[in-house]
Amino acid sequence: MHSNKVKEISLIGILAAVNIASRIYLQFLPNIKPVTSIIIISVVLFGLGFGVKLSVVTTVVSNLFLGMGTWTFFQILAWVVICLITQFLMDFLKKINKEPKLFPMAIFSFFMGYVFGIVVSLEQLMLGGPSLYIVYYMAGLLFDTFHAVGNFCFYLICAPILIKVFKKESERMKLKQD
């Protein structure tokens, strides 16, 4: 196995452990967890593939403890959509030679709380059609707002730390991929 793959698996394991622990131990706080922010930061640092893998591991393992159901697929889908949007933003910033800045990325993270809610609620669209989807989404809007505010705060806290800790490693991994 290549050392780059071992490093990637190790980094996914470390970040997934943080995400899983936060989902389990902060479950008393409705939708206020660092998971979405850490997934966004992982895409910024390591790219789309890394973020998607982190999303899948985080969701499946934490749901083994919190409860597995059809919502698991929609949670994975929501975080994958967030990974795709984040990668699109990073590609755009790269084209115009801009580095992602802390505060604008925290605002981006805020809005991803609502994206998560929209995508997770799609389960209700599949089960009961558009009217159930709308009612379900509107009933959960307060929780999406908690998620959004939590994302904003956690991004401001986690990004400086994780970027400092993992920046060199992300550069090394990218150099070996090229």
Protein backbone atom coordinates (compact mmCIF):
# COMPACT_ATOMS: atom_id res chain seq x y z
CA MET A 1 0.00 0.00 0.00
CA HIS A 2 1.35 3.42 -0.90
CA SER A 3 2.30 5.69 1.99
CA ASN A 4 -0.02 8.35 0.56
CA LYS A 5 -3.01 5.99 0.88
CA VAL A 6 -1.98 5.07 4.44
CA LYS A 7 -1.79 8.77 5.33
CA GLU A 8 -5.19 9.39 3.74
CA ILE A 9 -6.79 6.51 5.64
CA SER A 10 -5.16 7.70 8.87
CA LEU A 11 -6.37 11.28 8.38
CA ILE A 12 -9.89 10.11 7.55
CA GLY A 13 -9.80 7.96 10.68
CA ILE A 14 -8.70 10.87 12.88
CA LEU A 15 -11.25 13.33 11.50
CA ALA A 16 -14.03 10.72 11.44
CA ALA A 17 -13.30 9.91 15.09
CA VAL A 18 -13.73 13.59 15.99
CA ASN A 19 -16.95 13.77 13.96
CA ILE A 20 -18.36 10.55 15.40
CA ALA A 21 -17.52 11.50 18.98
CA SER A 22 -19.09 14.94 18.50
CA ARG A 23 -22.29 13.45 17.05
CA ILE A 24 -22.59 11.02 19.95
CA TYR A 25 -21.57 13.27 22.84
CA LEU A 26 -23.31 16.42 21.61
CA GLN A 27 -26.56 14.73 20.67
CA PHE A 28 -28.37 16.65 23.43
CA LEU A 29 -27.72 19.83 21.39
CA PRO A 30 -30.13 19.84 18.42
CA ASN A 31 -28.10 19.90 15.17
CA ILE A 32 -25.17 21.74 16.76
CA LYS A 33 -22.09 19.69 15.87
CA PRO A 34 -18.77 20.43 14.12
CA VAL A 35 -19.30 17.67 11.52
CA THR A 36 -20.37 19.80 8.54
CA SER A 37 -17.63 22.36 9.19
CA ILE A 38 -14.97 19.64 9.47
CA ILE A 39 -16.20 18.07 6.24
CA ILE A 40 -16.00 21.46 4.49
CA ILE A 41 -12.49 22.06 5.87
CA SER A 42 -11.43 18.58 4.72
CA VAL A 43 -12.54 19.36 1.15
CA VAL A 44 -10.67 22.68 1.27
CA LEU A 45 -7.51 20.92 2.43
CA PHE A 46 -7.63 17.50 0.78
CA GLY A 47 -10.18 17.68 -2.02
CA LEU A 48 -13.53 16.23 -2.98
CA GLY A 49 -12.70 12.52 -2.74
CA PHE A 50 -11.37 12.89 0.78
CA GLY A 51 -14.45 14.82 1.90
CA VAL A 52 -16.81 12.23 0.43
CA LYS A 53 -14.96 9.36 2.13
CA LEU A 54 -14.98 11.26 5.42
CA SER A 55 -18.73 11.88 5.05
CA VAL A 56 -19.51 8.20 4.45
CA VAL A 57 -17.36 6.93 7.34
CA THR A 58 -18.68 9.57 9.72
CA THR A 59 -22.32 8.88 8.90
CA VAL A 60 -22.25 5.09 8.83
CA VAL A 61 -20.18 4.62 12.00
CA SER A 62 -21.96 7.29 14.06
CA ASN A 63 -25.35 5.97 12.97
CA LEU A 64 -24.36 2.52 14.26
CA PHE A 65 -24.52 4.20 17.68
CA LEU A 66 -27.28 6.75 17.05
CA GLY A 67 -29.61 4.67 14.91
CA MET A 68 -29.48 3.41 11.35
CA GLY A 69 -32.36 3.92 8.98
CA THR A 70 -33.31 5.26 5.58
CA TRP A 71 -32.23 8.71 6.79
CA THR A 72 -28.62 7.46 6.79
CA PHE A 73 -28.59 7.49 2.99
CA PHE A 74 -29.98 11.03 2.92
CA GLN A 75 -27.45 12.24 5.51
CA ILE A 76 -24.63 10.83 3.36
CA LEU A 77 -26.22 12.42 0.29
CA ALA A 78 -26.49 15.78 2.07
CA TRP A 79 -22.83 15.79 3.09
CA VAL A 80 -21.75 14.64 -0.39
CA VAL A 81 -23.75 17.53 -1.91
CA ILE A 82 -21.97 19.89 0.52
CA CYS A 83 -18.63 18.37 -0.56
CA LEU A 84 -19.52 18.97 -4.22
CA ILE A 85 -20.57 22.59 -3.59
CA THR A 86 -17.40 23.18 -1.56
CA GLN A 87 -15.21 21.73 -4.31
CA PHE A 88 -17.00 23.88 -6.88
CA LEU A 89 -16.29 26.94 -4.72
CA MET A 90 -12.62 25.94 -4.32
CA ASP A 91 -12.27 25.45 -8.09
CA PHE A 92 -13.82 28.88 -8.66
CA LEU A 93 -11.48 30.52 -6.12
CA LYS A 94 -8.50 28.79 -7.72
CA LYS A 95 -9.47 30.16 -11.16
CA ILE A 96 -9.51 33.72 -9.85
CA ASN A 97 -6.35 33.16 -7.73
CA LYS A 98 -8.03 33.66 -4.38
CA GLU A 99 -7.40 31.74 -1.17
CA PRO A 100 -10.44 30.88 0.94
CA LYS A 101 -10.70 33.39 3.79
CA LEU A 102 -11.89 32.47 7.27
CA PHE A 103 -14.96 34.70 7.67
CA PRO A 104 -16.43 34.24 4.15
CA MET A 105 -15.94 30.47 4.51
CA ALA A 106 -17.71 30.59 7.89
CA ILE A 107 -20.64 32.30 6.15
CA PHE A 108 -20.51 29.61 3.44
CA SER A 109 -20.55 26.98 6.21
CA PHE A 110 -23.60 28.72 7.71
CA PHE A 111 -25.55 28.34 4.45
CA MET A 112 -24.53 24.70 4.16
CA GLY A 113 -26.61 24.05 7.29
CA TYR A 114 -29.69 24.86 5.23
CA VAL A 115 -28.44 22.84 2.26
CA PHE A 116 -28.07 19.86 4.60
CA GLY A 117 -31.68 20.27 5.78
CA ILE A 118 -33.03 20.59 2.25
CA VAL A 119 -31.28 17.41 1.10
CA VAL A 120 -32.03 15.32 4.22
CA SER A 121 -35.70 16.28 3.92
CA LEU A 122 -35.82 14.72 0.44
CA GLU A 123 -36.58 11.45 2.21
CA GLN A 124 -40.04 12.86 2.95
CA LEU A 125 -40.49 13.81 -0.70
CA MET A 126 -39.89 10.16 -1.60
CA LEU A 127 -42.28 8.92 1.10
CA GLY A 128 -45.16 11.37 0.82
CA GLY A 129 -44.68 13.69 -2.10
CA PRO A 130 -44.16 17.45 -2.34
CA SER A 131 -46.71 18.47 0.29
CA LEU A 132 -45.12 16.26 2.97
CA TYR A 133 -41.68 17.51 1.95
CA ILE A 134 -42.68 21.16 2.34
CA VAL A 135 -44.43 20.61 5.69
CA TYR A 136 -41.52 18.50 7.00
CA TYR A 137 -38.89 20.99 5.84
CA MET A 138 -40.75 23.98 7.28
CA ALA A 139 -41.21 22.16 10.62
CA GLY A 140 -37.45 21.53 10.74
CA LEU A 141 -36.38 25.03 9.75
CA LEU A 142 -35.53 25.99 13.33
CA PHE A 143 -33.23 22.95 13.58
CA ASP A 144 -31.60 23.89 10.26
CA THR A 145 -31.01 27.33 11.73
CA PHE A 146 -29.32 25.74 14.77
CA HIS A 147 -27.22 23.70 12.33
CA ALA A 148 -26.33 26.82 10.32
CA VAL A 149 -25.35 28.87 13.39
CA GLY A 150 -23.38 25.91 14.77
CA ASN A 151 -21.57 25.54 11.44
CA PHE A 152 -20.63 29.21 11.45
CA CYS A 153 -19.24 29.06 15.00
CA PHE A 154 -17.50 25.70 14.57
CA TYR A 155 -15.92 26.82 11.30
CA LEU A 156 -14.45 29.87 13.02
CA ILE A 157 -13.09 27.62 15.81
CA CYS A 158 -12.02 24.54 13.83
CA ALA A 159 -10.66 26.00 10.58
CA PRO A 160 -7.66 27.86 12.03
CA ILE A 161 -6.67 24.80 14.07
CA LEU A 162 -7.20 22.13 11.40
CA ILE A 163 -5.68 24.21 8.61
CA LYS A 164 -2.59 24.87 10.73
CA VAL A 165 -2.26 21.21 11.76
CA PHE A 166 -2.98 19.64 8.35
CA LYS A 167 -1.79 22.28 5.84
CA LYS A 168 1.67 20.74 5.33
CA GLU A 169 0.20 17.26 5.03
CA SER A 170 -2.38 18.40 2.48
CA GLU A 171 0.36 20.03 0.39
CA ARG A 172 2.48 16.84 0.55
CA MET A 173 -0.47 14.69 -0.47
CA LYS A 174 -1.34 17.00 -3.36
CA LEU A 175 2.27 17.07 -4.59
CA LYS A 176 2.42 13.27 -4.67
CA GLN A 177 -0.88 13.11 -6.59
CA ASP A 178 0.39 15.42 -9.36
